[in-house]
Amino acid sequence: MRVIVNCVPQTGHIMPLLPLAQAFIARGDEVLIDSGANAADAVSSRELSILAPTQLDTTAILKSEPEIPLCEPDH
């Protein structure tokens, strides 16, 4: 399974999600962490990889996975 962990790049927001990301990796899943530079230290200290927002187009990834429902924002 492919998992995207998306979070505000602040330590208090990203830290609770890291054990979940590690659990997915431990069971053989592919995990992408989509956050900002402020979260890089917390993520890399757990031997996880972080992608800067400009490197990952979350919407494009979700649209490429038809089994994942995507809610478009109302404008």
C-alpha atoms as a PDB file:
ATOM      1  CA  MET A   1       0.000   0.000   0.000  1.00  0.00           C
ATOM      2  CA  ARG A   2       1.134   3.564  -0.599  1.00  0.00           C
ATOM      3  CA  VAL A   3       0.583   6.033   2.243  1.00  0.00           C
ATOM      4  CA  ILE A   4       0.905   9.819   2.287  1.00  0.00           C
ATOM      5  CA  VAL A   5       1.426  11.453   5.679  1.00  0.00           C
ATOM      6  CA  ASN A   6       0.580  15.116   5.235  1.00  0.00           C
ATOM      7  CA  CYS A   7       0.988  17.555   8.075  1.00  0.00           C
ATOM      8  CA  VAL A   8       1.605  21.135   9.096  1.00  0.00           C
ATOM      9  CA  PRO A   9       5.410  21.460   9.408  1.00  0.00           C
ATOM     10  CA  GLN A  10       5.458  21.966  13.164  1.00  0.00           C
ATOM     11  CA  THR A  11       6.935  19.505  15.647  1.00  0.00           C
ATOM     12  CA  GLY A  12       3.754  19.176  17.711  1.00  0.00           C
ATOM     13  CA  HIS A  13       1.799  18.209  14.607  1.00  0.00           C
ATOM     14  CA  ILE A  14       4.284  15.865  12.928  1.00  0.00           C
ATOM     15  CA  MET A  15       5.580  13.943  15.973  1.00  0.00           C
ATOM     16  CA  PRO A  16       2.332  12.032  16.693  1.00  0.00           C
ATOM     17  CA  LEU A  17       2.240  10.861  13.068  1.00  0.00           C
ATOM     18  CA  LEU A  18       5.793   9.469  12.917  1.00  0.00           C
ATOM     19  CA  PRO A  19       5.077   6.229  14.834  1.00  0.00           C
ATOM     20  CA  LEU A  20       2.168   5.613  12.463  1.00  0.00           C
ATOM     21  CA  ALA A  21       4.432   6.183   9.449  1.00  0.00           C
ATOM     22  CA  GLN A  22       7.023   3.827  10.931  1.00  0.00           C
ATOM     23  CA  ALA A  23       4.362   1.164  11.523  1.00  0.00           C
ATOM     24  CA  PHE A  24       3.331   1.322   7.869  1.00  0.00           C
ATOM     25  CA  ILE A  25       6.973   1.000   6.793  1.00  0.00           C
ATOM     26  CA  ALA A  26       7.521  -1.930   9.170  1.00  0.00           C
ATOM     27  CA  ARG A  27       4.725  -3.850   7.471  1.00  0.00           C
ATOM     28  CA  GLY A  28       6.225  -3.176   4.049  1.00  0.00           C
ATOM     29  CA  ASP A  29       4.194  -0.198   2.875  1.00  0.00           C
ATOM     30  CA  GLU A  30       5.591   2.757   0.946  1.00  0.00           C
ATOM     31  CA  VAL A  31       5.330   6.003   2.925  1.00  0.00           C
ATOM     32  CA  LEU A  32       5.722   9.571   1.687  1.00  0.00           C
ATOM     33  CA  ILE A  33       5.867  12.326   4.292  1.00  0.00           C
ATOM     34  CA  ASP A  34       4.614  15.597   2.876  1.00  0.00           C
ATOM     35  CA  SER A  35       5.439  18.480   5.177  1.00  0.00           C
ATOM     36  CA  GLY A  36       7.711  21.486   5.302  1.00  0.00           C
ATOM     37  CA  ALA A  37      11.314  22.176   6.149  1.00  0.00           C
ATOM     38  CA  ASN A  38      10.500  22.849   9.819  1.00  0.00           C
ATOM     39  CA  ALA A  39       9.602  19.180  10.242  1.00  0.00           C
ATOM     40  CA  ALA A  40      12.748  17.851   8.523  1.00  0.00           C
ATOM     41  CA  ASP A  41      14.795  17.306  11.712  1.00  0.00           C
ATOM     42  CA  ALA A  42      12.048  15.367  13.473  1.00  0.00           C
ATOM     43  CA  VAL A  43      11.472  13.187  10.419  1.00  0.00           C
ATOM     44  CA  SER A  44      15.107  12.503   9.572  1.00  0.00           C
ATOM     45  CA  SER A  45      15.933  11.662  13.206  1.00  0.00           C
ATOM     46  CA  ARG A  46      13.529   8.711  12.829  1.00  0.00           C
ATOM     47  CA  GLU A  47      15.272   7.626   9.619  1.00  0.00           C
ATOM     48  CA  LEU A  48      12.267   8.628   7.528  1.00  0.00           C
ATOM     49  CA  SER A  49      12.377  10.697   4.360  1.00  0.00           C
ATOM     50  CA  ILE A  50      10.588  14.016   4.025  1.00  0.00           C
ATOM     51  CA  LEU A  51       9.592  15.706   0.808  1.00  0.00           C
ATOM     52  CA  ALA A  52       9.301  19.460   0.534  1.00  0.00           C
ATOM     53  CA  PRO A  53       5.874  20.582  -0.685  1.00  0.00           C
ATOM     54  CA  THR A  54       7.301  21.576  -4.067  1.00  0.00           C
ATOM     55  CA  GLN A  55       8.626  18.028  -4.596  1.00  0.00           C
ATOM     56  CA  LEU A  56       5.343  16.227  -4.074  1.00  0.00           C
ATOM     57  CA  ASP A  57       2.062  16.938  -5.821  1.00  0.00           C
ATOM     58  CA  THR A  58      -0.317  15.226  -3.398  1.00  0.00           C
ATOM     59  CA  THR A  59      -3.377  15.958  -5.530  1.00  0.00           C
ATOM     60  CA  ALA A  60      -1.802  14.355  -8.600  1.00  0.00           C
ATOM     61  CA  ILE A  61      -0.897  11.246  -6.608  1.00  0.00           C
ATOM     62  CA  LEU A  62      -4.406  10.924  -5.197  1.00  0.00           C
ATOM     63  CA  LYS A  63      -5.974  11.392  -8.630  1.00  0.00           C
ATOM     64  CA  SER A  64      -3.768   8.595  -9.984  1.00  0.00           C
ATOM     65  CA  GLU A  65      -5.226   6.191  -7.399  1.00  0.00           C
ATOM     66  CA  PRO A  66      -8.870   5.626  -8.412  1.00  0.00           C
ATOM     67  CA  GLU A  67      -9.731   3.714  -5.226  1.00  0.00           C
ATOM     68  CA  ILE A  68      -8.978   6.792  -3.088  1.00  0.00           C
ATOM     69  CA  PRO A  69     -11.887   9.280  -2.991  1.00  0.00           C
ATOM     70  CA  LEU A  70     -10.765  12.839  -3.587  1.00  0.00           C
ATOM     71  CA  CYS A  71     -12.806  15.768  -2.333  1.00  0.00           C
ATOM     72  CA  GLU A  72     -12.333  18.865  -4.431  1.00  0.00           C
ATOM     73  CA  PRO A  73     -12.570  22.176  -2.537  1.00  0.00           C
ATOM     74  CA  ASP A  74     -15.674  24.300  -3.146  1.00  0.00           C
ATOM     75  CA  HIS A  75     -14.869  27.593  -4.824  1.00  0.00           C
END
